[in-house]
Amino acid sequence: MALLVFGGCGSSETATHLILQCDVFGSVWHYVYRWLGISLIEPATVGDHFQHFGQLAGLSRSIHSFLIVIWHACVWVIWKERNNRIFQQKLMTSDRVAERVKIMSFNWLKANMPNFVFSYNN
């Protein structure tokens, strides 16, 4: 099975590499962690990352739901940016990608959770 080479960093493209290990996109998670005020040791697989991110110890169940939405938004935005880089030769910085994660997370949470009372600036 041939692996694609990602246009941004020259490494073989696997889900784990693209979402967690790529120099281009791995830094997006650090912006997201800082935004959320959390520390997380990066697990080796995407599945483990999803489990750890969504079930941070000491947080309420409602916060876990928010984190799951944010995780999915982050993966979606990374995938869209990957496609923009490959197919449209458009590049965004990691901090801009992280801003898109914030906007998408906010929009998804606001649209799907009637008890979501936060403004974007919160």
PDB file of N, CA and C in Angstrom:
ATOM      1  N   MET A   1       0.840  -1.176   0.000  1.00  0.00           N
ATOM      2  CA  MET A   1       0.000   0.000   0.000  1.00  0.00           C
ATOM      3  C   MET A   1       0.889   1.244   0.000  1.00  0.00           C
ATOM      4  N   ALA A   2       0.720   2.087  -0.961  1.00  0.00           N
ATOM      5  CA  ALA A   2       1.519   3.301  -1.058  1.00  0.00           C
ATOM      6  C   ALA A   2       0.949   4.377  -0.148  1.00  0.00           C
ATOM      7  N   LEU A   3       1.831   5.113   0.487  1.00  0.00           N
ATOM      8  CA  LEU A   3       1.418   6.217   1.339  1.00  0.00           C
ATOM      9  C   LEU A   3       1.602   7.520   0.587  1.00  0.00           C
ATOM     10  N   LEU A   4       0.666   8.414   0.745  1.00  0.00           N
ATOM     11  CA  LEU A   4       0.793   9.737   0.149  1.00  0.00           C
ATOM     12  C   LEU A   4       1.801  10.542   0.952  1.00  0.00           C
ATOM     13  N   VAL A   5       2.476  11.436   0.283  1.00  0.00           N
ATOM     14  CA  VAL A   5       3.383  12.345   0.976  1.00  0.00           C
ATOM     15  C   VAL A   5       2.668  13.674   1.108  1.00  0.00           C
ATOM     16  N   PHE A   6       2.558  14.143   2.343  1.00  0.00           N
ATOM     17  CA  PHE A   6       1.859  15.383   2.617  1.00  0.00           C
ATOM     18  C   PHE A   6       2.662  16.552   2.068  1.00  0.00           C
ATOM     19  N   GLY A   7       1.982  17.438   1.378  1.00  0.00           N
ATOM     20  CA  GLY A   7       2.623  18.567   0.721  1.00  0.00           C
ATOM     21  C   GLY A   7       3.274  19.566   1.653  1.00  0.00           C
ATOM     22  N   GLY A   8       2.864  19.653   2.909  1.00  0.00           N
ATOM     23  CA  GLY A   8       3.378  20.671   3.805  1.00  0.00           C
ATOM     24  C   GLY A   8       4.683  20.322   4.474  1.00  0.00           C
ATOM     25  N   CYS A   9       4.911  19.041   4.768  1.00  0.00           N
ATOM     26  CA  CYS A   9       6.105  18.711   5.543  1.00  0.00           C
ATOM     27  C   CYS A   9       6.951  17.612   4.911  1.00  0.00           C
ATOM     28  N   GLY A  10       6.457  16.961   3.884  1.00  0.00           N
ATOM     29  CA  GLY A  10       7.237  15.960   3.190  1.00  0.00           C
ATOM     30  C   GLY A  10       7.214  14.583   3.823  1.00  0.00           C
ATOM     31  N   SER A  11       6.473  14.374   4.887  1.00  0.00           N
ATOM     32  CA  SER A  11       6.399  13.066   5.537  1.00  0.00           C
ATOM     33  C   SER A  11       5.249  12.257   4.970  1.00  0.00           C
ATOM     34  N   SER A  12       5.306  10.943   5.193  1.00  0.00           N
ATOM     35  CA  SER A  12       4.218  10.067   4.766  1.00  0.00           C
ATOM     36  C   SER A  12       2.944  10.457   5.487  1.00  0.00           C
ATOM     37  N   GLU A  13       1.857  10.481   4.741  1.00  0.00           N
ATOM     38  CA  GLU A  13       0.593  10.914   5.325  1.00  0.00           C
ATOM     39  C   GLU A  13      -0.177   9.724   5.888  1.00  0.00           C
ATOM     40  N   THR A  14      -0.272   9.695   7.188  1.00  0.00           N
ATOM     41  CA  THR A  14      -1.155   8.777   7.899  1.00  0.00           C
ATOM     42  C   THR A  14      -2.036   9.650   8.781  1.00  0.00           C
ATOM     43  N   ALA A  15      -3.113   9.090   9.293  1.00  0.00           N
ATOM     44  CA  ALA A  15      -3.991   9.873  10.169  1.00  0.00           C
ATOM     45  C   ALA A  15      -3.230  10.359  11.395  1.00  0.00           C
ATOM     46  N   THR A  16      -2.443   9.479  11.999  1.00  0.00           N
ATOM     47  CA  THR A  16      -1.692   9.856  13.199  1.00  0.00           C
ATOM     48  C   THR A  16      -0.707  10.968  12.892  1.00  0.00           C
ATOM     49  N   HIS A  17      -0.001  10.838  11.781  1.00  0.00           N
ATOM     50  CA  HIS A  17       0.966  11.881  11.430  1.00  0.00           C
ATOM     51  C   HIS A  17       0.250  13.215  11.178  1.00  0.00           C
ATOM     52  N   LEU A  18      -0.772  13.181  10.326  1.00  0.00           N
ATOM     53  CA  LEU A  18      -1.458  14.421   9.946  1.00  0.00           C
ATOM     54  C   LEU A  18      -2.065  15.121  11.156  1.00  0.00           C
ATOM     55  N   ILE A  19      -2.767  14.382  12.002  1.00  0.00           N
ATOM     56  CA  ILE A  19      -3.525  14.998  13.083  1.00  0.00           C
ATOM     57  C   ILE A  19      -2.685  15.290  14.316  1.00  0.00           C
ATOM     58  N   LEU A  20      -1.665  14.464  14.595  1.00  0.00           N
ATOM     59  CA  LEU A  20      -0.927  14.621  15.850  1.00  0.00           C
ATOM     60  C   LEU A  20       0.547  14.982  15.706  1.00  0.00           C
ATOM     61  N   GLN A  21       1.224  14.439  14.712  1.00  0.00           N
ATOM     62  CA  GLN A  21       2.680  14.525  14.686  1.00  0.00           C
ATOM     63  C   GLN A  21       3.257  15.507  13.685  1.00  0.00           C
ATOM     64  N   CYS A  22       2.486  15.896  12.711  1.00  0.00           N
ATOM     65  CA  CYS A  22       2.975  16.788  11.659  1.00  0.00           C
ATOM     66  C   CYS A  22       3.391  18.138  12.250  1.00  0.00           C
ATOM     67  N   ASP A  23       4.566  18.603  11.875  1.00  0.00           N
ATOM     68  CA  ASP A  23       5.019  19.912  12.344  1.00  0.00           C
ATOM     69  C   ASP A  23       4.054  21.016  11.931  1.00  0.00           C
ATOM     70  N   VAL A  24       3.454  20.874  10.771  1.00  0.00           N
ATOM     71  CA  VAL A  24       2.545  21.884  10.256  1.00  0.00           C
ATOM     72  C   VAL A  24       1.270  21.941  11.088  1.00  0.00           C
ATOM     73  N   PHE A  25       0.682  20.783  11.412  1.00  0.00           N
ATOM     74  CA  PHE A  25      -0.611  20.765  12.099  1.00  0.00           C
ATOM     75  C   PHE A  25      -0.553  20.367  13.562  1.00  0.00           C
ATOM     76  N   GLY A  26       0.489  19.696  13.985  1.00  0.00           N
ATOM     77  CA  GLY A  26       0.603  19.311  15.387  1.00  0.00           C
ATOM     78  C   GLY A  26       0.584  20.511  16.316  1.00  0.00           C
ATOM     79  N   SER A  27       1.118  21.621  15.845  1.00  0.00           N
ATOM     80  CA  SER A  27       1.151  22.825  16.684  1.00  0.00           C
ATOM     81  C   SER A  27      -0.241  23.422  16.898  1.00  0.00           C
ATOM     82  N   VAL A  28      -1.195  23.087  16.041  1.00  0.00           N
ATOM     83  CA  VAL A  28      -2.564  23.583  16.227  1.00  0.00           C
ATOM     84  C   VAL A  28      -3.098  23.109  17.578  1.00  0.00           C
ATOM     85  N   TRP A  29      -2.790  21.871  17.949  1.00  0.00           N
ATOM     86  CA  TRP A  29      -3.260  21.344  19.235  1.00  0.00           C
ATOM     87  C   TRP A  29      -2.710  22.164  20.400  1.00  0.00           C
ATOM     88  N   HIS A  30      -1.480  22.623  20.289  1.00  0.00           N
ATOM     89  CA  HIS A  30      -0.895  23.419  21.368  1.00  0.00           C
ATOM     90  C   HIS A  30      -1.639  24.747  21.549  1.00  0.00           C
ATOM     91  N   TYR A  31      -2.052  25.338  20.441  1.00  0.00           N
ATOM     92  CA  TYR A  31      -2.874  26.555  20.533  1.00  0.00           C
ATOM     93  C   TYR A  31      -4.212  26.233  21.207  1.00  0.00           C
ATOM     94  N   VAL A  32      -4.818  25.096  20.831  1.00  0.00           N
ATOM     95  CA  VAL A  32      -6.101  24.700  21.408  1.00  0.00           C
ATOM     96  C   VAL A  32      -5.942  24.412  22.904  1.00  0.00           C
ATOM     97  N   TYR A  33      -4.873  23.705  23.295  1.00  0.00           N
ATOM     98  CA  TYR A  33      -4.639  23.427  24.718  1.00  0.00           C
ATOM     99  C   TYR A  33      -4.508  24.728  25.508  1.00  0.00           C
ATOM    100  N   ARG A  34      -3.748  25.656  24.955  1.00  0.00           N
ATOM    101  CA  ARG A  34      -3.555  26.941  25.629  1.00  0.00           C
ATOM    102  C   ARG A  34      -4.882  27.690  25.749  1.00  0.00           C
ATOM    103  N   TRP A  35      -5.681  27.683  24.693  1.00  0.00           N
ATOM    104  CA  TRP A  35      -6.988  28.324  24.692  1.00  0.00           C
ATOM    105  C   TRP A  35      -7.879  27.734  25.793  1.00  0.00           C
ATOM    106  N   LEU A  36      -7.839  26.404  25.939  1.00  0.00           N
ATOM    107  CA  LEU A  36      -8.686  25.738  26.924  1.00  0.00           C
ATOM    108  C   LEU A  36      -8.068  25.725  28.325  1.00  0.00           C
ATOM    109  N   GLY A  37      -6.783  26.080  28.404  1.00  0.00           N
ATOM    110  CA  GLY A  37      -6.110  26.072  29.696  1.00  0.00           C
ATOM    111  C   GLY A  37      -5.857  24.675  30.225  1.00  0.00           C
ATOM    112  N   ILE A  38      -5.529  23.746  29.320  1.00  0.00           N
ATOM    113  CA  ILE A  38      -5.275  22.363  29.726  1.00  0.00           C
ATOM    114  C   ILE A  38      -3.884  21.927  29.320  1.00  0.00           C
ATOM    115  N   SER A  39      -3.408  20.889  29.980  1.00  0.00           N
ATOM    116  CA  SER A  39      -2.161  20.226  29.609  1.00  0.00           C
ATOM    117  C   SER A  39      -2.520  18.803  29.232  1.00  0.00           C
ATOM    118  N   LEU A  40      -1.905  18.306  28.207  1.00  0.00           N
ATOM    119  CA  LEU A  40      -2.194  16.955  27.765  1.00  0.00           C
ATOM    120  C   LEU A  40      -0.928  16.349  27.196  1.00  0.00           C
ATOM    121  N   ILE A  41      -0.619  15.157  27.628  1.00  0.00           N
ATOM    122  CA  ILE A  41       0.487  14.415  27.029  1.00  0.00           C
ATOM    123  C   ILE A  41      -0.065  13.782  25.765  1.00  0.00           C
ATOM    124  N   GLU A  42       0.599  14.023  24.668  1.00  0.00           N
ATOM    125  CA  GLU A  42       0.116  13.543  23.381  1.00  0.00           C
ATOM    126  C   GLU A  42       0.196  12.020  23.300  1.00  0.00           C
ATOM    127  N   PRO A  43      -0.944  11.347  23.237  1.00  0.00           N
ATOM    128  CA  PRO A  43      -0.935   9.893  23.032  1.00  0.00           C
ATOM    129  C   PRO A  43      -0.408   9.552  21.643  1.00  0.00           C
ATOM    130  N   ALA A  44      -0.069   8.289  21.452  1.00  0.00           N
ATOM    131  CA  ALA A  44       0.566   7.851  20.211  1.00  0.00           C
ATOM    132  C   ALA A  44      -0.412   7.667  19.057  1.00  0.00           C
ATOM    133  N   THR A  45      -1.696   7.485  19.344  1.00  0.00           N
ATOM    134  CA  THR A  45      -2.653   7.254  18.267  1.00  0.00           C
ATOM    135  C   THR A  45      -3.777   8.278  18.324  1.00  0.00           C
ATOM    136  N   VAL A  46      -4.458   8.437  17.204  1.00  0.00           N
ATOM    137  CA  VAL A  46      -5.576   9.372  17.127  1.00  0.00           C
ATOM    138  C   VAL A  46      -6.697   8.919  18.070  1.00  0.00           C
ATOM    139  N   GLY A  47      -6.980   7.618  18.104  1.00  0.00           N
ATOM    140  CA  GLY A  47      -8.019   7.098  18.985  1.00  0.00           C
ATOM    141  C   GLY A  47      -7.731   7.378  20.449  1.00  0.00           C
ATOM    142  N   ASP A  48      -6.482   7.171  20.859  1.00  0.00           N
ATOM    143  CA  ASP A  48      -6.102   7.460  22.243  1.00  0.00           C
ATOM    144  C   ASP A  48      -6.201   8.956  22.539  1.00  0.00           C
ATOM    145  N   HIS A  49      -5.809   9.771  21.574  1.00  0.00           N
ATOM    146  CA  HIS A  49      -5.901  11.219  21.747  1.00  0.00           C
ATOM    147  C   HIS A  49      -7.351  11.633  21.971  1.00  0.00           C
ATOM    148  N   PHE A  50      -8.253  11.084  21.158  1.00  0.00           N
ATOM    149  CA  PHE A  50      -9.681  11.377  21.300  1.00  0.00           C
ATOM    150  C   PHE A  50     -10.167  11.005  22.701  1.00  0.00           C
ATOM    151  N   GLN A  51      -9.792   9.815  23.171  1.00  0.00           N
ATOM    152  CA  GLN A  51     -10.209   9.356  24.500  1.00  0.00           C
ATOM    153  C   GLN A  51      -9.678  10.273  25.595  1.00  0.00           C
ATOM    154  N   HIS A  52      -8.395  10.595  25.541  1.00  0.00           N
ATOM    155  CA  HIS A  52      -7.772  11.424  26.571  1.00  0.00           C
ATOM    156  C   HIS A  52      -8.323  12.851  26.544  1.00  0.00           C
ATOM    157  N   PHE A  53      -8.473  13.398  25.359  1.00  0.00           N
ATOM    158  CA  PHE A  53      -8.932  14.780  25.222  1.00  0.00           C
ATOM    159  C   PHE A  53     -10.363  14.931  25.721  1.00  0.00           C
ATOM    160  N   GLY A  54     -11.224  14.000  25.378  1.00  0.00           N
ATOM    161  CA  GLY A  54     -12.623  14.100  25.719  1.00  0.00           C
ATOM    162  C   GLY A  54     -12.965  13.719  27.144  1.00  0.00           C
ATOM    163  N   GLN A  55     -12.026  13.094  27.846  1.00  0.00           N
ATOM    164  CA  GLN A  55     -12.328  12.630  29.196  1.00  0.00           C
ATOM    165  C   GLN A  55     -11.297  13.112  30.202  1.00  0.00           C
ATOM    166  N   LEU A  56     -10.959  14.376  30.126  1.00  0.00           N
ATOM    167  CA  LEU A  56      -9.987  14.932  31.055  1.00  0.00           C
ATOM    168  C   LEU A  56     -10.507  14.805  32.478  1.00  0.00           C
ATOM    169  N   ALA A  57      -9.681  14.299  33.343  1.00  0.00           N
ATOM    170  CA  ALA A  57     -10.075  14.032  34.727  1.00  0.00           C
ATOM    171  C   ALA A  57     -10.459  15.309  35.461  1.00  0.00           C
ATOM    172  N   GLY A  58     -11.449  15.182  36.326  1.00  0.00           N
ATOM    173  CA  GLY A  58     -11.839  16.288  37.181  1.00  0.00           C
ATOM    174  C   GLY A  58     -12.823  17.262  36.565  1.00  0.00           C
ATOM    175  N   LEU A  59     -13.243  17.018  35.335  1.00  0.00           N
ATOM    176  CA  LEU A  59     -14.182  17.925  34.683  1.00  0.00           C
ATOM    177  C   LEU A  59     -15.583  17.311  34.662  1.00  0.00           C
ATOM    178  N   SER A  60     -16.587  18.160  34.643  1.00  0.00           N
ATOM    179  CA  SER A  60     -17.970  17.683  34.630  1.00  0.00           C
ATOM    180  C   SER A  60     -18.312  17.046  33.285  1.00  0.00           C
ATOM    181  N   ARG A  61     -19.404  16.284  33.277  1.00  0.00           N
ATOM    182  CA  ARG A  61     -19.869  15.625  32.057  1.00  0.00           C
ATOM    183  C   ARG A  61     -20.192  16.635  30.956  1.00  0.00           C
ATOM    184  N   SER A  62     -20.774  17.771  31.321  1.00  0.00           N
ATOM    185  CA  SER A  62     -21.120  18.764  30.305  1.00  0.00           C
ATOM    186  C   SER A  62     -19.861  19.329  29.646  1.00  0.00           C
ATOM    187  N   ILE A  63     -18.809  19.501  30.419  1.00  0.00           N
ATOM    188  CA  ILE A  63     -17.537  19.970  29.850  1.00  0.00           C
ATOM    189  C   ILE A  63     -16.972  18.902  28.912  1.00  0.00           C
ATOM    190  N   HIS A  64     -17.119  17.628  29.254  1.00  0.00           N
ATOM    191  CA  HIS A  64     -16.646  16.555  28.384  1.00  0.00           C
ATOM    192  C   HIS A  64     -17.339  16.641  27.020  1.00  0.00           C
ATOM    193  N   SER A  65     -18.635  16.950  27.016  1.00  0.00           N
ATOM    194  CA  SER A  65     -19.370  17.101  25.753  1.00  0.00           C
ATOM    195  C   SER A  65     -18.787  18.243  24.922  1.00  0.00           C
ATOM    196  N   PHE A  66     -18.471  19.350  25.578  1.00  0.00           N
ATOM    197  CA  PHE A  66     -17.852  20.477  24.875  1.00  0.00           C
ATOM    198  C   PHE A  66     -16.512  20.060  24.280  1.00  0.00           C
ATOM    199  N   LEU A  67     -15.717  19.338  25.052  1.00  0.00           N
ATOM    200  CA  LEU A  67     -14.391  18.921  24.585  1.00  0.00           C
ATOM    201  C   LEU A  67     -14.477  17.997  23.374  1.00  0.00           C
ATOM    202  N   ILE A  68     -15.474  17.121  23.360  1.00  0.00           N
ATOM    203  CA  ILE A  68     -15.651  16.223  22.208  1.00  0.00           C
ATOM    204  C   ILE A  68     -15.962  17.043  20.956  1.00  0.00           C
ATOM    205  N   VAL A  69     -16.807  18.042  21.089  1.00  0.00           N
ATOM    206  CA  VAL A  69     -17.129  18.907  19.951  1.00  0.00           C
ATOM    207  C   VAL A  69     -15.874  19.652  19.491  1.00  0.00           C
ATOM    208  N   ILE A  70     -15.112  20.182  20.424  1.00  0.00           N
ATOM    209  CA  ILE A  70     -13.891  20.919  20.085  1.00  0.00           C
ATOM    210  C   ILE A  70     -12.894  19.989  19.402  1.00  0.00           C
ATOM    211  N   TRP A  71     -12.766  18.749  19.879  1.00  0.00           N
ATOM    212  CA  TRP A  71     -11.839  17.794  19.259  1.00  0.00           C
ATOM    213  C   TRP A  71     -12.244  17.550  17.805  1.00  0.00           C
ATOM    214  N   HIS A  72     -13.529  17.304  17.576  1.00  0.00           N
ATOM    215  CA  HIS A  72     -13.996  17.059  16.208  1.00  0.00           C
ATOM    216  C   HIS A  72     -13.804  18.294  15.327  1.00  0.00           C
ATOM    217  N   ALA A  73     -14.058  19.462  15.866  1.00  0.00           N
ATOM    218  CA  ALA A  73     -13.845  20.691  15.101  1.00  0.00           C
ATOM    219  C   ALA A  73     -12.376  20.829  14.713  1.00  0.00           C
ATOM    220  N   CYS A  74     -11.493  20.507  15.634  1.00  0.00           N
ATOM    221  CA  CYS A  74     -10.058  20.615  15.357  1.00  0.00           C
ATOM    222  C   CYS A  74      -9.645  19.660  14.236  1.00  0.00           C
ATOM    223  N   VAL A  75     -10.091  18.430  14.312  1.00  0.00           N
ATOM    224  CA  VAL A  75      -9.754  17.449  13.266  1.00  0.00           C
ATOM    225  C   VAL A  75     -10.336  17.889  11.921  1.00  0.00           C
ATOM    226  N   TRP A  76     -11.575  18.380  11.937  1.00  0.00           N
ATOM    227  CA  TRP A  76     -12.209  18.827  10.696  1.00  0.00           C
ATOM    228  C   TRP A  76     -11.442  19.997  10.075  1.00  0.00           C
ATOM    229  N   VAL A  77     -11.082  20.971  10.890  1.00  0.00           N
ATOM    230  CA  VAL A  77     -10.373  22.149  10.382  1.00  0.00           C
ATOM    231  C   VAL A  77      -8.980  21.754   9.870  1.00  0.00           C
ATOM    232  N   ILE A  78      -8.304  20.858  10.572  1.00  0.00           N
ATOM    233  CA  ILE A  78      -7.004  20.368  10.085  1.00  0.00           C
ATOM    234  C   ILE A  78      -7.172  19.697   8.731  1.00  0.00           C
ATOM    235  N   TRP A  79      -8.181  18.856   8.590  1.00  0.00           N
ATOM    236  CA  TRP A  79      -8.414  18.158   7.314  1.00  0.00           C
ATOM    237  C   TRP A  79      -8.709  19.164   6.196  1.00  0.00           C
ATOM    238  N   LYS A  80      -9.557  20.153   6.475  1.00  0.00           N
ATOM    239  CA  LYS A  80      -9.877  21.159   5.459  1.00  0.00           C
ATOM    240  C   LYS A  80      -8.639  21.963   5.071  1.00  0.00           C
ATOM    241  N   GLU A  81      -7.818  22.312   6.055  1.00  0.00           N
ATOM    242  CA  GLU A  81      -6.600  23.068   5.757  1.00  0.00           C
ATOM    243  C   GLU A  81      -5.624  22.215   4.960  1.00  0.00           C
ATOM    244  N   ARG A  82      -5.527  20.941   5.290  1.00  0.00           N
ATOM    245  CA  ARG A  82      -4.677  20.021   4.523  1.00  0.00           C
ATOM    246  C   ARG A  82      -5.109  20.026   3.055  1.00  0.00           C
ATOM    247  N   ASN A  83      -6.424  19.947   2.818  1.00  0.00           N
ATOM    248  CA  ASN A  83      -6.932  19.949   1.447  1.00  0.00           C
ATOM    249  C   ASN A  83      -6.669  21.284   0.756  1.00  0.00           C
ATOM    250  N   ASN A  84      -6.830  22.393   1.475  1.00  0.00           N
ATOM    251  CA  ASN A  84      -6.531  23.697   0.885  1.00  0.00           C
ATOM    252  C   ASN A  84      -5.070  23.796   0.473  1.00  0.00           C
ATOM    253  N   ARG A  85      -4.189  23.256   1.279  1.00  0.00           N
ATOM    254  CA  ARG A  85      -2.757  23.302   0.956  1.00  0.00           C
ATOM    255  C   ARG A  85      -2.427  22.457  -0.265  1.00  0.00           C
ATOM    256  N   ILE A  86      -3.033  21.291  -0.349  1.00  0.00           N
ATOM    257  CA  ILE A  86      -2.714  20.371  -1.447  1.00  0.00           C
ATOM    258  C   ILE A  86      -3.397  20.786  -2.746  1.00  0.00           C
ATOM    259  N   PHE A  87      -4.685  21.082  -2.684  1.00  0.00           N
ATOM    260  CA  PHE A  87      -5.457  21.277  -3.910  1.00  0.00           C
ATOM    261  C   PHE A  87      -5.576  22.725  -4.363  1.00  0.00           C
ATOM    262  N   GLN A  88      -5.420  23.683  -3.446  1.00  0.00           N
ATOM    263  CA  GLN A  88      -5.564  25.083  -3.818  1.00  0.00           C
ATOM    264  C   GLN A  88      -4.304  25.895  -3.550  1.00  0.00           C
ATOM    265  N   GLN A  89      -3.261  25.254  -3.024  1.00  0.00           N
ATOM    266  CA  GLN A  89      -1.999  25.914  -2.684  1.00  0.00           C
ATOM    267  C   GLN A  89      -2.221  27.153  -1.817  1.00  0.00           C
ATOM    268  N   LYS A  90      -3.192  27.082  -0.896  1.00  0.00           N
ATOM    269  CA  LYS A  90      -3.448  28.160   0.059  1.00  0.00           C
ATOM    270  C   LYS A  90      -2.933  27.729   1.415  1.00  0.00           C
ATOM    271  N   LEU A  91      -2.157  28.599   2.052  1.00  0.00           N
ATOM    272  CA  LEU A  91      -1.562  28.265   3.339  1.00  0.00           C
ATOM    273  C   LEU A  91      -2.072  29.211   4.419  1.00  0.00           C
ATOM    274  N   MET A  92      -2.387  28.643   5.578  1.00  0.00           N
ATOM    275  CA  MET A  92      -2.745  29.421   6.762  1.00  0.00           C
ATOM    276  C   MET A  92      -1.756  29.068   7.858  1.00  0.00           C
ATOM    277  N   THR A  93      -1.443  30.012   8.706  1.00  0.00           N
ATOM    278  CA  THR A  93      -0.557  29.744   9.832  1.00  0.00           C
ATOM    279  C   THR A  93      -1.301  28.910  10.874  1.00  0.00           C
ATOM    280  N   SER A  94      -0.551  28.260  11.743  1.00  0.00           N
ATOM    281  CA  SER A  94      -1.146  27.412  12.783  1.00  0.00           C
ATOM    282  C   SER A  94      -2.068  28.202  13.696  1.00  0.00           C
ATOM    283  N   ASP A  95      -1.700  29.429  14.028  1.00  0.00           N
ATOM    284  CA  ASP A  95      -2.573  30.212  14.902  1.00  0.00           C
ATOM    285  C   ASP A  95      -3.881  30.572  14.211  1.00  0.00           C
ATOM    286  N   ARG A  96      -3.861  30.789  12.899  1.00  0.00           N
ATOM    287  CA  ARG A  96      -5.098  31.057  12.139  1.00  0.00           C
ATOM    288  C   ARG A  96      -5.952  29.795  12.056  1.00  0.00           C
ATOM    289  N   VAL A  97      -5.307  28.641  11.896  1.00  0.00           N
ATOM    290  CA  VAL A  97      -6.043  27.374  11.884  1.00  0.00           C
ATOM    291  C   VAL A  97      -6.726  27.185  13.242  1.00  0.00           C
ATOM    292  N   ALA A  98      -6.015  27.478  14.321  1.00  0.00           N
ATOM    293  CA  ALA A  98      -6.584  27.365  15.667  1.00  0.00           C
ATOM    294  C   ALA A  98      -7.760  28.325  15.844  1.00  0.00           C
ATOM    295  N   GLU A  99      -7.680  29.521  15.270  1.00  0.00           N
ATOM    296  CA  GLU A  99      -8.805  30.454  15.331  1.00  0.00           C
ATOM    297  C   GLU A  99     -10.026  29.872  14.626  1.00  0.00           C
ATOM    298  N   ARG A 100      -9.791  29.201  13.525  1.00  0.00           N
ATOM    299  CA  ARG A 100     -10.906  28.546  12.817  1.00  0.00           C
ATOM    300  C   ARG A 100     -11.522  27.457  13.687  1.00  0.00           C
ATOM    301  N   VAL A 101     -10.687  26.745  14.445  1.00  0.00           N
ATOM    302  CA  VAL A 101     -11.193  25.723  15.368  1.00  0.00           C
ATOM    303  C   VAL A 101     -12.111  26.379  16.394  1.00  0.00           C
ATOM    304  N   LYS A 102     -11.699  27.504  16.934  1.00  0.00           N
ATOM    305  CA  LYS A 102     -12.524  28.212  17.921  1.00  0.00           C
ATOM    306  C   LYS A 102     -13.872  28.617  17.326  1.00  0.00           C
ATOM    307  N   ILE A 103     -13.837  29.195  16.139  1.00  0.00           N
ATOM    308  CA  ILE A 103     -15.068  29.651  15.489  1.00  0.00           C
ATOM    309  C   ILE A 103     -15.985  28.470  15.187  1.00  0.00           C
ATOM    310  N   MET A 104     -15.431  27.407  14.626  1.00  0.00           N
ATOM    311  CA  MET A 104     -16.244  26.233  14.297  1.00  0.00           C
ATOM    312  C   MET A 104     -16.816  25.605  15.556  1.00  0.00           C
ATOM    313  N   SER A 105     -16.004  25.476  16.602  1.00  0.00           N
ATOM    314  CA  SER A 105     -16.479  24.909  17.870  1.00  0.00           C
ATOM    315  C   SER A 105     -17.632  25.724  18.420  1.00  0.00           C
ATOM    316  N   PHE A 106     -17.455  27.032  18.444  1.00  0.00           N
ATOM    317  CA  PHE A 106     -18.500  27.915  18.953  1.00  0.00           C
ATOM    318  C   PHE A 106     -19.786  27.746  18.150  1.00  0.00           C
ATOM    319  N   ASN A 107     -19.675  27.754  16.833  1.00  0.00           N
ATOM    320  CA  ASN A 107     -20.863  27.629  15.986  1.00  0.00           C
ATOM    321  C   ASN A 107     -21.560  26.289  16.181  1.00  0.00           C
ATOM    322  N   TRP A 108     -20.792  25.201  16.256  1.00  0.00           N
ATOM    323  CA  TRP A 108     -21.378  23.875  16.462  1.00  0.00           C
ATOM    324  C   TRP A 108     -22.046  23.788  17.831  1.00  0.00           C
ATOM    325  N   LEU A 109     -21.382  24.284  18.862  1.00  0.00           N
ATOM    326  CA  LEU A 109     -21.956  24.230  20.207  1.00  0.00           C
ATOM    327  C   LEU A 109     -23.220  25.083  20.297  1.00  0.00           C
ATOM    328  N   LYS A 110     -23.168  26.276  19.761  1.00  0.00           N
ATOM    329  CA  LYS A 110     -24.310  27.189  19.804  1.00  0.00           C
ATOM    330  C   LYS A 110     -25.511  26.595  19.060  1.00  0.00           C
ATOM    331  N   ALA A 111     -25.273  25.957  17.923  1.00  0.00           N
ATOM    332  CA  ALA A 111     -26.352  25.408  17.105  1.00  0.00           C
ATOM    333  C   ALA A 111     -26.958  24.131  17.686  1.00  0.00           C
ATOM    334  N   ASN A 112     -26.182  23.367  18.432  1.00  0.00           N
ATOM    335  CA  ASN A 112     -26.647  22.046  18.853  1.00  0.00           C
ATOM    336  C   ASN A 112     -26.892  21.880  20.344  1.00  0.00           C
ATOM    337  N   MET A 113     -26.588  22.868  21.138  1.00  0.00           N
ATOM    338  CA  MET A 113     -26.791  22.757  22.581  1.00  0.00           C
ATOM    339  C   MET A 113     -27.617  23.945  23.057  1.00  0.00           C
ATOM    340  N   PRO A 114     -28.905  23.712  23.301  1.00  0.00           N
ATOM    341  CA  PRO A 114     -29.775  24.821  23.697  1.00  0.00           C
ATOM    342  C   PRO A 114     -29.338  25.509  24.988  1.00  0.00           C
ATOM    343  N   ASN A 115     -28.644  24.806  25.861  1.00  0.00           N
ATOM    344  CA  ASN A 115     -28.198  25.398  27.135  1.00  0.00           C
ATOM    345  C   ASN A 115     -26.837  26.077  27.031  1.00  0.00           C
ATOM    346  N   PHE A 116     -26.307  26.222  25.831  1.00  0.00           N
ATOM    347  CA  PHE A 116     -25.020  26.876  25.619  1.00  0.00           C
ATOM    348  C   PHE A 116     -25.230  28.392  25.670  1.00  0.00           C
ATOM    349  N   VAL A 117     -24.766  29.021  26.728  1.00  0.00           N
ATOM    350  CA  VAL A 117     -25.073  30.437  26.963  1.00  0.00           C
ATOM    351  C   VAL A 117     -23.859  31.356  26.817  1.00  0.00           C
ATOM    352  N   PHE A 118     -22.781  30.846  26.303  1.00  0.00           N
ATOM    353  CA  PHE A 118     -21.564  31.629  26.203  1.00  0.00           C
ATOM    354  C   PHE A 118     -21.552  32.456  24.929  1.00  0.00           C
ATOM    355  N   SER A 119     -20.880  33.591  24.987  1.00  0.00           N
ATOM    356  CA  SER A 119     -20.643  34.369  23.770  1.00  0.00           C
ATOM    357  C   SER A 119     -19.306  33.907  23.191  1.00  0.00           C
ATOM    358  N   TYR A 120     -19.040  34.291  21.963  1.00  0.00           N
ATOM    359  CA  TYR A 120     -17.775  33.875  21.344  1.00  0.00           C
ATOM    360  C   TYR A 120     -16.578  34.366  22.142  1.00  0.00           C
ATOM    361  N   ASN A 121     -16.652  35.561  22.682  1.00  0.00           N
ATOM    362  CA  ASN A 121     -15.521  36.128  23.431  1.00  0.00           C
ATOM    363  C   ASN A 121     -15.265  35.411  24.754  1.00  0.00           C
ATOM    364  N   ASN A 122     -16.259  34.716  25.291  1.00  0.00           N
ATOM    365  CA  ASN A 122     -16.065  33.942  26.515  1.00  0.00           C
ATOM    366  C   ASN A 122     -15.323  32.671  26.220  1.00  0.00           C
TER     367      ASN A 122
END
